[in-house]
């Protein structure tokens, strides 16, 4: 297994942990029970699902910019933590002694572990050398290894015919436009 494949597997696993964490308990409140992220904030739940899904997609296609999703996950975790703390502070302030004693019994639950591990794995692209692997979306990756489309000035007639055939092939595949095709043929005929 190559290093890039290992990074992709780690990143995909991190995105999966982030998604799974959305369905596990986030807070444990003795009288009420447990709350998931969707119970606390439906929008936050959707955002965390999107972060996990985008992380999986980016690490599946190409991990070059996938560190951005790891950074987004980190920001999301901090944002959720501060949102919950401000909500608890508001309850404590509004309900006085009863609110303060109720807030003191609230504890964080399993979902935080999933979110933090998922964020660490989503950030794995930052910690490793992330050379860009060829994307599966490229039509013809061999196009970069082909011979030059326009031969050198002192090339013989057989080299010129080879270049013309290559240009015709590229045009037939739809990889160059008609204008570019005609321009390249004109340049070859001038030599």
N, C-alpha and C. Protein backbone atom coordinates (compact mmCIF):
# COMPACT_ATOMS: atom_id res chain seq x y z
N UNK A 1 0.84 -1.17 0.00
CA UNK A 1 0.00 0.00 0.00
C UNK A 1 0.89 1.24 0.00
N UNK A 2 0.63 2.14 -0.94
CA UNK A 2 1.41 3.36 -1.04
C UNK A 2 1.01 4.34 0.05
N UNK A 3 1.87 5.34 0.27
CA UNK A 3 1.61 6.34 1.30
C UNK A 3 0.32 7.11 0.99
N UNK A 4 0.10 7.48 -0.28
CA UNK A 4 -1.11 8.22 -0.64
C UNK A 4 -2.36 7.39 -0.39
N UNK A 5 -2.28 6.07 -0.64
CA UNK A 5 -3.43 5.21 -0.39
C UNK A 5 -3.72 5.15 1.10
N UNK A 6 -2.68 5.07 1.92
CA UNK A 6 -2.86 5.04 3.37
C UNK A 6 -3.49 6.34 3.87
N UNK A 7 -3.03 7.47 3.35
CA UNK A 7 -3.61 8.76 3.74
C UNK A 7 -5.09 8.81 3.34
N UNK A 8 -5.42 8.30 2.15
CA UNK A 8 -6.81 8.29 1.70
C UNK A 8 -7.67 7.43 2.62
N UNK A 9 -7.17 6.26 2.99
CA UNK A 9 -7.93 5.37 3.86
C UNK A 9 -8.16 6.03 5.23
N UNK A 10 -7.11 6.66 5.77
CA UNK A 10 -7.24 7.34 7.05
C UNK A 10 -8.26 8.48 6.95
N UNK A 11 -8.19 9.27 5.88
CA UNK A 11 -9.13 10.37 5.70
C UNK A 11 -10.57 9.90 5.53
N UNK A 12 -10.77 8.83 4.76
CA UNK A 12 -12.12 8.27 4.57
C UNK A 12 -12.66 7.76 5.91
N UNK A 13 -11.79 7.10 6.69
CA UNK A 13 -12.18 6.63 8.01
C UNK A 13 -12.58 7.80 8.91
N UNK A 14 -11.83 8.90 8.84
CA UNK A 14 -12.15 10.09 9.63
C UNK A 14 -13.49 10.68 9.25
N UNK A 15 -13.78 10.74 7.95
CA UNK A 15 -15.09 11.24 7.51
C UNK A 15 -16.21 10.35 8.00
N UNK A 16 -15.97 9.03 7.99
CA UNK A 16 -16.96 8.08 8.50
C UNK A 16 -17.21 8.26 9.99
N UNK A 17 -16.12 8.48 10.75
CA UNK A 17 -16.28 8.72 12.19
C UNK A 17 -17.08 9.99 12.45
N UNK A 18 -16.84 11.00 11.64
CA UNK A 18 -17.56 12.27 11.80
C UNK A 18 -19.06 12.05 11.54
N UNK A 19 -19.40 11.27 10.53
CA UNK A 19 -20.81 10.99 10.22
C UNK A 19 -21.45 10.16 11.33
N UNK A 20 -20.74 9.11 11.78
CA UNK A 20 -21.28 8.24 12.82
C UNK A 20 -21.49 9.02 14.12
N UNK A 21 -20.58 9.94 14.43
CA UNK A 21 -20.70 10.74 15.64
C UNK A 21 -21.97 11.56 15.70
N UNK A 22 -22.54 11.88 14.55
CA UNK A 22 -23.78 12.66 14.52
C UNK A 22 -24.95 11.91 15.13
N UNK A 23 -24.88 10.59 15.17
CA UNK A 23 -26.00 9.78 15.64
C UNK A 23 -25.78 9.21 17.04
N UNK A 24 -24.65 9.52 17.64
CA UNK A 24 -24.37 9.08 19.01
C UNK A 24 -24.68 10.22 19.98
N UNK A 25 -24.86 9.89 21.26
CA UNK A 25 -25.19 10.94 22.25
C UNK A 25 -24.08 11.99 22.36
N UNK A 26 -24.49 13.25 22.37
CA UNK A 26 -23.57 14.37 22.48
C UNK A 26 -23.49 14.87 23.92
N UNK A 27 -24.65 14.96 24.55
CA UNK A 27 -24.74 15.42 25.94
C UNK A 27 -25.56 14.43 26.76
N UNK A 28 -25.18 14.28 28.03
CA UNK A 28 -25.94 13.44 28.95
C UNK A 28 -26.48 14.35 30.05
N UNK A 29 -27.81 14.39 30.13
CA UNK A 29 -28.47 15.20 31.14
C UNK A 29 -29.28 14.24 32.02
N UNK A 30 -29.02 14.19 33.32
CA UNK A 30 -29.63 13.17 34.17
C UNK A 30 -31.16 13.09 34.09
N UNK A 31 -31.87 14.17 34.13
CA UNK A 31 -33.33 14.11 34.13
C UNK A 31 -33.89 13.90 32.73
N UNK A 32 -33.27 14.55 31.75
CA UNK A 32 -33.77 14.52 30.37
C UNK A 32 -33.32 13.28 29.62
N UNK A 33 -32.10 12.85 29.81
CA UNK A 33 -31.53 11.72 29.08
C UNK A 33 -30.35 12.17 28.25
N UNK A 34 -30.22 11.61 27.04
CA UNK A 34 -29.11 11.98 26.17
C UNK A 34 -29.63 12.78 24.98
N UNK A 35 -28.77 13.65 24.46
CA UNK A 35 -29.11 14.46 23.30
C UNK A 35 -28.07 14.24 22.21
N UNK A 36 -28.53 14.05 20.98
CA UNK A 36 -27.61 13.98 19.85
C UNK A 36 -27.39 15.39 19.33
N UNK A 37 -26.53 15.51 18.35
CA UNK A 37 -26.28 16.84 17.78
C UNK A 37 -27.53 17.40 17.11
N UNK A 38 -28.37 16.51 16.57
CA UNK A 38 -29.61 16.96 15.94
C UNK A 38 -30.60 17.49 16.98
N UNK A 39 -30.57 16.96 18.20
CA UNK A 39 -31.44 17.45 19.26
C UNK A 39 -31.00 18.82 19.74
N UNK A 40 -29.70 19.07 19.72
CA UNK A 40 -29.17 20.35 20.18
C UNK A 40 -29.37 21.42 19.11
N UNK A 41 -28.94 21.10 17.88
CA UNK A 41 -29.08 22.04 16.76
C UNK A 41 -29.15 21.23 15.47
N UNK A 42 -30.31 21.25 14.84
CA UNK A 42 -30.48 20.49 13.61
C UNK A 42 -29.52 20.96 12.53
N UNK A 43 -29.33 22.28 12.43
CA UNK A 43 -28.40 22.84 11.44
C UNK A 43 -26.97 22.36 11.67
N UNK A 44 -26.55 22.32 12.93
CA UNK A 44 -25.21 21.83 13.25
C UNK A 44 -25.08 20.36 12.84
N UNK A 45 -26.12 19.58 13.05
CA UNK A 45 -26.10 18.18 12.64
C UNK A 45 -25.92 18.03 11.14
N UNK A 46 -26.65 18.83 10.37
CA UNK A 46 -26.53 18.80 8.91
C UNK A 46 -25.12 19.22 8.49
N UNK A 47 -24.59 20.27 9.11
CA UNK A 47 -23.24 20.74 8.77
C UNK A 47 -22.20 19.67 9.07
N UNK A 48 -22.33 18.98 10.21
CA UNK A 48 -21.37 17.93 10.55
C UNK A 48 -21.49 16.75 9.59
N UNK A 49 -22.71 16.42 9.17
CA UNK A 49 -22.87 15.36 8.15
C UNK A 49 -22.20 15.76 6.84
N UNK A 50 -22.36 17.03 6.45
CA UNK A 50 -21.73 17.52 5.22
C UNK A 50 -20.21 17.50 5.33
N UNK A 51 -19.68 17.87 6.49
CA UNK A 51 -18.23 17.84 6.68
C UNK A 51 -17.72 16.42 6.51
N UNK A 52 -18.39 15.45 7.13
CA UNK A 52 -17.98 14.05 6.99
C UNK A 52 -18.09 13.55 5.55
N UNK A 53 -19.20 13.88 4.89
CA UNK A 53 -19.40 13.46 3.50
C UNK A 53 -18.39 14.09 2.55
N UNK A 54 -18.12 15.38 2.73
CA UNK A 54 -17.13 16.05 1.88
C UNK A 54 -15.73 15.51 2.14
N UNK A 55 -15.45 15.18 3.40
CA UNK A 55 -14.15 14.58 3.71
C UNK A 55 -13.96 13.26 3.00
N UNK A 56 -14.99 12.43 3.02
CA UNK A 56 -14.91 11.15 2.31
C UNK A 56 -14.74 11.37 0.82
N UNK A 57 -15.50 12.30 0.26
CA UNK A 57 -15.41 12.57 -1.19
C UNK A 57 -14.03 13.10 -1.57
N UNK A 58 -13.50 14.05 -0.80
CA UNK A 58 -12.19 14.62 -1.14
C UNK A 58 -11.07 13.60 -1.02
N UNK A 59 -11.11 12.76 0.01
CA UNK A 59 -10.06 11.76 0.15
C UNK A 59 -10.22 10.63 -0.87
N UNK A 60 -11.44 10.43 -1.39
CA UNK A 60 -11.63 9.41 -2.42
C UNK A 60 -11.09 9.90 -3.76
N UNK A 61 -11.38 11.16 -4.09
CA UNK A 61 -10.97 11.69 -5.39
C UNK A 61 -9.50 12.09 -5.39
N UNK A 62 -9.13 12.96 -4.46
CA UNK A 62 -7.77 13.49 -4.46
C UNK A 62 -7.54 14.20 -3.14
N UNK A 63 -6.50 13.79 -2.41
CA UNK A 63 -6.31 14.38 -1.09
C UNK A 63 -5.47 15.64 -1.07
N UNK A 64 -5.23 16.26 -2.20
CA UNK A 64 -4.37 17.44 -2.22
C UNK A 64 -4.94 18.59 -1.38
N UNK A 65 -6.22 18.86 -1.48
CA UNK A 65 -6.83 19.96 -0.74
C UNK A 65 -7.73 19.46 0.40
N UNK A 66 -7.62 18.21 0.72
CA UNK A 66 -8.51 17.65 1.74
C UNK A 66 -8.19 18.15 3.14
N UNK A 67 -7.01 18.75 3.35
CA UNK A 67 -6.71 19.32 4.66
C UNK A 67 -7.67 20.44 5.00
N UNK A 68 -8.27 21.05 3.97
CA UNK A 68 -9.24 22.12 4.23
C UNK A 68 -10.47 21.58 4.95
N UNK A 69 -10.88 20.37 4.63
CA UNK A 69 -12.04 19.80 5.30
C UNK A 69 -11.68 19.46 6.74
N UNK A 70 -10.42 19.08 7.00
CA UNK A 70 -9.97 18.85 8.37
C UNK A 70 -10.00 20.13 9.18
N UNK A 71 -9.58 21.23 8.56
CA UNK A 71 -9.62 22.53 9.23
C UNK A 71 -11.08 22.95 9.48
N UNK A 72 -11.96 22.67 8.54
CA UNK A 72 -13.38 22.97 8.71
C UNK A 72 -13.96 22.15 9.86
N UNK A 73 -13.54 20.88 9.96
CA UNK A 73 -14.00 20.04 11.06
C UNK A 73 -13.55 20.60 12.40
N UNK A 74 -12.32 21.07 12.47
CA UNK A 74 -11.81 21.67 13.70
C UNK A 74 -12.61 22.91 14.08
N UNK A 75 -12.88 23.76 13.12
CA UNK A 75 -13.68 24.97 13.37
C UNK A 75 -15.10 24.58 13.82
N UNK A 76 -15.66 23.55 13.18
CA UNK A 76 -17.01 23.09 13.55
C UNK A 76 -17.07 22.57 14.98
N UNK A 77 -16.05 21.81 15.39
CA UNK A 77 -16.02 21.28 16.76
C UNK A 77 -15.92 22.41 17.77
N UNK A 78 -15.02 23.37 17.51
CA UNK A 78 -14.90 24.51 18.43
C UNK A 78 -16.20 25.32 18.46
N UNK A 79 -16.80 25.53 17.29
CA UNK A 79 -18.05 26.28 17.23
C UNK A 79 -19.16 25.60 18.03
N UNK A 80 -19.28 24.28 17.89
CA UNK A 80 -20.30 23.55 18.64
C UNK A 80 -20.03 23.63 20.15
N UNK A 81 -18.77 23.48 20.53
CA UNK A 81 -18.41 23.54 21.95
C UNK A 81 -18.76 24.90 22.54
N UNK A 82 -18.41 25.97 21.84
CA UNK A 82 -18.72 27.30 22.36
C UNK A 82 -20.22 27.60 22.34
N UNK A 83 -20.92 27.06 21.35
CA UNK A 83 -22.38 27.22 21.31
C UNK A 83 -23.02 26.56 22.51
N UNK A 84 -22.60 25.34 22.82
CA UNK A 84 -23.16 24.63 23.97
C UNK A 84 -22.82 25.34 25.28
N UNK A 85 -21.58 25.82 25.39
CA UNK A 85 -21.21 26.53 26.62
C UNK A 85 -22.01 27.81 26.79
N UNK A 86 -22.22 28.54 25.71
CA UNK A 86 -23.01 29.78 25.82
C UNK A 86 -24.47 29.46 26.14
N UNK A 87 -24.99 28.37 25.60
CA UNK A 87 -26.36 27.97 25.90
C UNK A 87 -26.49 27.59 27.39
N UNK A 88 -25.50 26.87 27.91
CA UNK A 88 -25.53 26.50 29.33
C UNK A 88 -25.37 27.72 30.22
N UNK A 89 -24.54 28.67 29.82
CA UNK A 89 -24.37 29.90 30.60
C UNK A 89 -25.67 30.70 30.62
N UNK A 90 -26.38 30.72 29.50
CA UNK A 90 -27.66 31.42 29.44
C UNK A 90 -28.67 30.78 30.38
N UNK A 91 -28.74 29.44 30.38
CA UNK A 91 -29.67 28.73 31.27
C UNK A 91 -29.32 29.01 32.73
N UNK A 92 -28.03 28.96 33.05
CA UNK A 92 -27.61 29.22 34.43
C UNK A 92 -27.96 30.64 34.86
N UNK A 93 -27.84 31.59 33.94
CA UNK A 93 -28.13 32.99 34.25
C UNK A 93 -29.63 33.22 34.43
N UNK A 94 -30.43 32.66 33.53
CA UNK A 94 -31.87 32.89 33.54
C UNK A 94 -32.59 32.18 34.69
N UNK A 95 -32.12 31.00 35.05
CA UNK A 95 -32.84 30.21 36.05
C UNK A 95 -32.16 30.20 37.42
N UNK A 96 -31.15 31.00 37.58
CA UNK A 96 -30.51 31.17 38.88
C UNK A 96 -29.93 29.90 39.45
N UNK A 97 -30.24 29.64 40.74
CA UNK A 97 -29.66 28.50 41.44
C UNK A 97 -30.07 27.17 40.81
N UNK A 98 -31.33 27.06 40.41
CA UNK A 98 -31.81 25.82 39.79
C UNK A 98 -31.10 25.58 38.46
N UNK A 99 -30.93 26.63 37.68
CA UNK A 99 -30.23 26.51 36.41
C UNK A 99 -28.78 26.12 36.60
N UNK A 100 -28.12 26.72 37.60
CA UNK A 100 -26.72 26.38 37.85
C UNK A 100 -26.56 24.94 38.32
N UNK A 101 -27.45 24.49 39.16
CA UNK A 101 -27.34 23.10 39.62
C UNK A 101 -27.70 22.12 38.50
N UNK A 102 -28.63 22.50 37.63
CA UNK A 102 -28.96 21.63 36.49
C UNK A 102 -27.80 21.54 35.51
N UNK A 103 -27.15 22.67 35.25
CA UNK A 103 -26.03 22.70 34.31
C UNK A 103 -24.84 21.90 34.86
N UNK A 104 -24.66 21.91 36.18
CA UNK A 104 -23.52 21.20 36.77
C UNK A 104 -23.63 19.69 36.59
N UNK A 105 -24.82 19.17 36.29
CA UNK A 105 -24.99 17.73 36.10
C UNK A 105 -24.85 17.31 34.64
N UNK A 106 -24.79 18.27 33.72
CA UNK A 106 -24.66 17.97 32.29
C UNK A 106 -23.23 17.50 32.01
N UNK A 107 -23.11 16.42 31.23
CA UNK A 107 -21.77 15.94 30.87
C UNK A 107 -21.72 15.64 29.37
N UNK A 108 -20.52 15.73 28.84
CA UNK A 108 -20.32 15.41 27.42
C UNK A 108 -20.31 13.90 27.26
N UNK A 109 -20.74 13.45 26.09
CA UNK A 109 -20.87 12.00 25.89
C UNK A 109 -20.03 11.52 24.71
N UNK A 110 -20.30 10.34 24.23
CA UNK A 110 -19.48 9.60 23.27
C UNK A 110 -19.24 10.32 21.95
N UNK A 111 -20.20 11.08 21.48
CA UNK A 111 -20.09 11.72 20.16
C UNK A 111 -18.86 12.61 20.07
N UNK A 112 -18.47 13.24 21.16
CA UNK A 112 -17.29 14.10 21.15
C UNK A 112 -16.04 13.31 20.77
N UNK A 113 -15.94 12.08 21.25
CA UNK A 113 -14.80 11.23 20.88
C UNK A 113 -14.78 10.95 19.39
N UNK A 114 -15.97 10.65 18.83
CA UNK A 114 -16.05 10.41 17.38
C UNK A 114 -15.66 11.66 16.60
N UNK A 115 -16.15 12.83 17.04
CA UNK A 115 -15.84 14.07 16.33
C UNK A 115 -14.36 14.41 16.40
N UNK A 116 -13.76 14.25 17.58
CA UNK A 116 -12.34 14.61 17.72
C UNK A 116 -11.45 13.64 16.95
N UNK A 117 -11.72 12.33 17.04
CA UNK A 117 -10.92 11.36 16.26
C UNK A 117 -11.14 11.57 14.77
N UNK A 118 -12.39 11.81 14.36
CA UNK A 118 -12.66 12.06 12.95
C UNK A 118 -11.93 13.28 12.44
N UNK A 119 -11.90 14.34 13.25
CA UNK A 119 -11.19 15.56 12.87
C UNK A 119 -9.69 15.30 12.74
N UNK A 120 -9.12 14.53 13.66
CA UNK A 120 -7.69 14.21 13.59
C UNK A 120 -7.39 13.42 12.31
N UNK A 121 -8.23 12.44 12.00
CA UNK A 121 -8.00 11.65 10.79
C UNK A 121 -8.25 12.47 9.53
N UNK A 122 -9.23 13.38 9.56
CA UNK A 122 -9.46 14.25 8.40
C UNK A 122 -8.30 15.20 8.18
N UNK A 123 -7.58 15.53 9.23
CA UNK A 123 -6.41 16.42 9.12
C UNK A 123 -5.15 15.65 8.73
N UNK A 124 -5.25 14.37 8.49
CA UNK A 124 -4.05 13.57 8.20
C UNK A 124 -3.33 14.05 6.94
N UNK A 125 -4.04 14.68 6.01
CA UNK A 125 -3.39 15.20 4.82
C UNK A 125 -2.39 16.29 5.12
N UNK A 126 -2.54 16.96 6.26
CA UNK A 126 -1.61 18.02 6.64
C UNK A 126 -0.29 17.43 7.11
N UNK A 127 -0.36 16.32 7.81
CA UNK A 127 0.81 15.77 8.48
C UNK A 127 1.69 14.89 7.60
N UNK A 128 1.19 14.52 6.44
CA UNK A 128 1.95 13.67 5.54
C UNK A 128 2.27 14.42 4.26
N UNK A 129 3.27 13.93 3.55
CA UNK A 129 3.62 14.52 2.25
C UNK A 129 2.50 14.16 1.29
N UNK A 130 1.71 15.14 0.87
CA UNK A 130 0.55 14.84 0.04
C UNK A 130 0.80 15.21 -1.41
N UNK A 131 1.56 14.38 -2.09
CA UNK A 131 1.75 14.55 -3.52
C UNK A 131 0.43 14.27 -4.21
N UNK A 132 0.14 15.06 -5.22
CA UNK A 132 -1.14 14.90 -5.91
C UNK A 132 -1.10 13.64 -6.76
N UNK A 133 -2.08 12.77 -6.54
CA UNK A 133 -2.19 11.60 -7.38
C UNK A 133 -3.12 11.95 -8.55
N UNK A 134 -3.01 11.25 -9.68
CA UNK A 134 -3.85 11.60 -10.82
C UNK A 134 -5.33 11.38 -10.48
N UNK A 135 -6.13 12.33 -10.85
CA UNK A 135 -7.55 12.25 -10.57
C UNK A 135 -8.21 11.29 -11.55
N UNK A 136 -9.20 10.50 -11.10
CA UNK A 136 -9.91 9.61 -12.02
C UNK A 136 -10.80 10.37 -12.98
N UNK A 137 -10.94 11.68 -12.78
CA UNK A 137 -11.80 12.48 -13.64
C UNK A 137 -11.10 12.93 -14.92
N UNK A 138 -9.77 12.74 -15.02
CA UNK A 138 -9.02 13.14 -16.21
C UNK A 138 -9.36 12.16 -17.33
N UNK A 139 -9.66 12.72 -18.52
CA UNK A 139 -10.05 11.87 -19.64
C UNK A 139 -8.93 10.94 -20.07
N UNK A 140 -7.76 11.50 -20.33
CA UNK A 140 -6.66 10.71 -20.88
C UNK A 140 -5.36 11.12 -20.19
N UNK A 141 -4.98 10.46 -19.08
CA UNK A 141 -3.77 10.88 -18.38
C UNK A 141 -2.49 10.64 -19.17
N UNK A 142 -2.54 9.79 -20.21
CA UNK A 142 -1.34 9.53 -21.01
C UNK A 142 -1.01 10.69 -21.94
N UNK A 143 -1.93 11.66 -22.05
CA UNK A 143 -1.72 12.76 -22.98
C UNK A 143 -0.44 13.54 -22.64
N UNK A 144 -0.07 13.58 -21.37
CA UNK A 144 1.13 14.31 -20.96
C UNK A 144 2.40 13.59 -21.40
N UNK A 145 2.33 12.28 -21.62
CA UNK A 145 3.53 11.54 -21.97
C UNK A 145 3.69 11.37 -23.48
N UNK A 146 2.79 11.95 -24.28
CA UNK A 146 2.90 11.81 -25.72
C UNK A 146 4.04 12.67 -26.26
N UNK A 147 4.43 12.37 -27.48
CA UNK A 147 5.50 13.13 -28.14
C UNK A 147 5.02 14.54 -28.42
N UNK A 148 5.93 15.48 -28.63
CA UNK A 148 5.51 16.86 -28.91
C UNK A 148 4.61 16.94 -30.13
N UNK A 149 3.62 17.83 -30.05
CA UNK A 149 2.66 17.96 -31.15
C UNK A 149 3.26 18.69 -32.35
N UNK A 150 4.23 19.55 -32.11
CA UNK A 150 4.87 20.27 -33.21
C UNK A 150 6.34 19.89 -33.21
N UNK A 151 6.82 19.26 -34.28
CA UNK A 151 8.19 18.79 -34.30
C UNK A 151 9.20 19.93 -34.40
N UNK A 152 10.43 19.61 -34.13
CA UNK A 152 11.51 20.58 -34.24
C UNK A 152 11.66 21.02 -35.69
N UNK A 153 12.33 22.17 -35.91
CA UNK A 153 12.45 22.74 -37.24
C UNK A 153 13.20 21.80 -38.19
N UNK A 154 14.22 21.12 -37.71
CA UNK A 154 15.02 20.27 -38.59
C UNK A 154 14.52 18.83 -38.65
N UNK A 155 13.28 18.58 -38.27
CA UNK A 155 12.75 17.23 -38.31
C UNK A 155 12.42 16.84 -39.75
N UNK A 156 12.50 15.56 -40.02
CA UNK A 156 12.24 15.05 -41.37
C UNK A 156 10.76 14.94 -41.65
N UNK A 157 10.41 14.58 -42.90
CA UNK A 157 9.00 14.49 -43.29
C UNK A 157 8.22 13.43 -42.50
N UNK A 158 8.90 12.32 -42.10
CA UNK A 158 8.18 11.28 -41.35
C UNK A 158 7.78 11.77 -39.95
N UNK A 159 8.60 12.62 -39.39
CA UNK A 159 8.28 13.21 -38.08
C UNK A 159 7.09 14.17 -38.21
N UNK A 160 7.03 14.91 -39.31
CA UNK A 160 5.93 15.83 -39.57
C UNK A 160 4.62 15.06 -39.73
N UNK A 161 4.66 13.93 -40.45
CA UNK A 161 3.45 13.11 -40.63
C UNK A 161 2.97 12.56 -39.29
N UNK A 162 3.91 12.19 -38.44
CA UNK A 162 3.57 11.66 -37.12
C UNK A 162 2.87 12.73 -36.27
N UNK A 163 3.37 13.97 -36.35
CA UNK A 163 2.75 15.07 -35.61
C UNK A 163 1.35 15.36 -36.14
N UNK A 164 1.18 15.33 -37.44
CA UNK A 164 -0.14 15.56 -38.04
C UNK A 164 -1.12 14.48 -37.59
N UNK A 165 -0.68 13.23 -37.57
CA UNK A 165 -1.55 12.14 -37.11
C UNK A 165 -1.93 12.30 -35.64
N UNK A 166 -0.99 12.77 -34.83
CA UNK A 166 -1.27 12.99 -33.41
C UNK A 166 -2.31 14.09 -33.24
N UNK A 167 -2.16 15.17 -34.01
CA UNK A 167 -3.12 16.28 -33.93
C UNK A 167 -4.50 15.81 -34.39
N UNK A 168 -4.56 15.03 -35.45
CA UNK A 168 -5.85 14.50 -35.93
C UNK A 168 -6.49 13.61 -34.88
N UNK A 169 -5.69 12.80 -34.21
CA UNK A 169 -6.21 11.91 -33.16
C UNK A 169 -6.78 12.72 -32.00
N UNK A 170 -6.08 13.77 -31.59
CA UNK A 170 -6.57 14.62 -30.50
C UNK A 170 -7.88 15.31 -30.88
N UNK A 171 -7.97 15.75 -32.13
CA UNK A 171 -9.19 16.40 -32.59
C UNK A 171 -10.34 15.39 -32.65
N UNK A 172 -10.07 14.18 -33.11
CA UNK A 172 -11.10 13.15 -33.21
C UNK A 172 -11.63 12.77 -31.82
N UNK A 173 -10.76 12.76 -30.82
CA UNK A 173 -11.18 12.44 -29.46
C UNK A 173 -11.89 13.61 -28.79
N UNK A 174 -11.84 14.78 -29.40
CA UNK A 174 -12.48 15.96 -28.82
C UNK A 174 -11.64 16.65 -27.76
N UNK A 175 -10.35 16.39 -27.75
CA UNK A 175 -9.49 16.97 -26.73
C UNK A 175 -8.93 18.34 -27.13
N UNK A 176 -9.05 18.70 -28.42
CA UNK A 176 -8.70 20.04 -28.86
C UNK A 176 -9.83 20.55 -29.73
N UNK A 177 -9.99 21.87 -29.76
CA UNK A 177 -11.07 22.47 -30.54
C UNK A 177 -10.72 22.49 -32.03
N UNK A 178 -11.72 22.81 -32.84
CA UNK A 178 -11.51 22.86 -34.29
C UNK A 178 -10.53 23.97 -34.64
N UNK A 179 -10.64 25.11 -33.95
CA UNK A 179 -9.72 26.23 -34.22
C UNK A 179 -8.28 25.85 -33.88
N UNK A 180 -8.10 25.19 -32.74
CA UNK A 180 -6.75 24.77 -32.34
C UNK A 180 -6.20 23.72 -33.31
N UNK A 181 -7.08 22.83 -33.78
CA UNK A 181 -6.69 21.80 -34.74
C UNK A 181 -6.19 22.46 -36.03
N UNK A 182 -6.96 23.41 -36.56
CA UNK A 182 -6.58 24.07 -37.80
C UNK A 182 -5.31 24.88 -37.64
N UNK A 183 -5.15 25.55 -36.51
CA UNK A 183 -3.96 26.35 -36.26
C UNK A 183 -2.70 25.48 -36.20
N UNK A 184 -2.81 24.35 -35.53
CA UNK A 184 -1.64 23.46 -35.42
C UNK A 184 -1.27 22.86 -36.78
N UNK A 185 -2.29 22.49 -37.57
CA UNK A 185 -2.00 21.96 -38.90
C UNK A 185 -1.35 23.03 -39.77
N UNK A 186 -1.83 24.27 -39.68
CA UNK A 186 -1.26 25.36 -40.46
C UNK A 186 0.20 25.59 -40.08
N UNK A 187 0.51 25.53 -38.78
CA UNK A 187 1.89 25.72 -38.32
C UNK A 187 2.81 24.61 -38.86
N UNK A 188 2.28 23.38 -38.93
CA UNK A 188 3.10 22.27 -39.43
C UNK A 188 3.36 22.40 -40.94
N UNK A 189 2.37 22.89 -41.66
CA UNK A 189 2.52 23.00 -43.11
C UNK A 189 3.44 24.16 -43.49
N UNK A 190 3.59 25.16 -42.64
CA UNK A 190 4.49 26.28 -42.91
C UNK A 190 5.97 25.87 -42.79
N UNK A 191 6.26 24.84 -42.10
CA UNK A 191 7.66 24.44 -41.87
C UNK A 191 8.27 23.77 -43.04
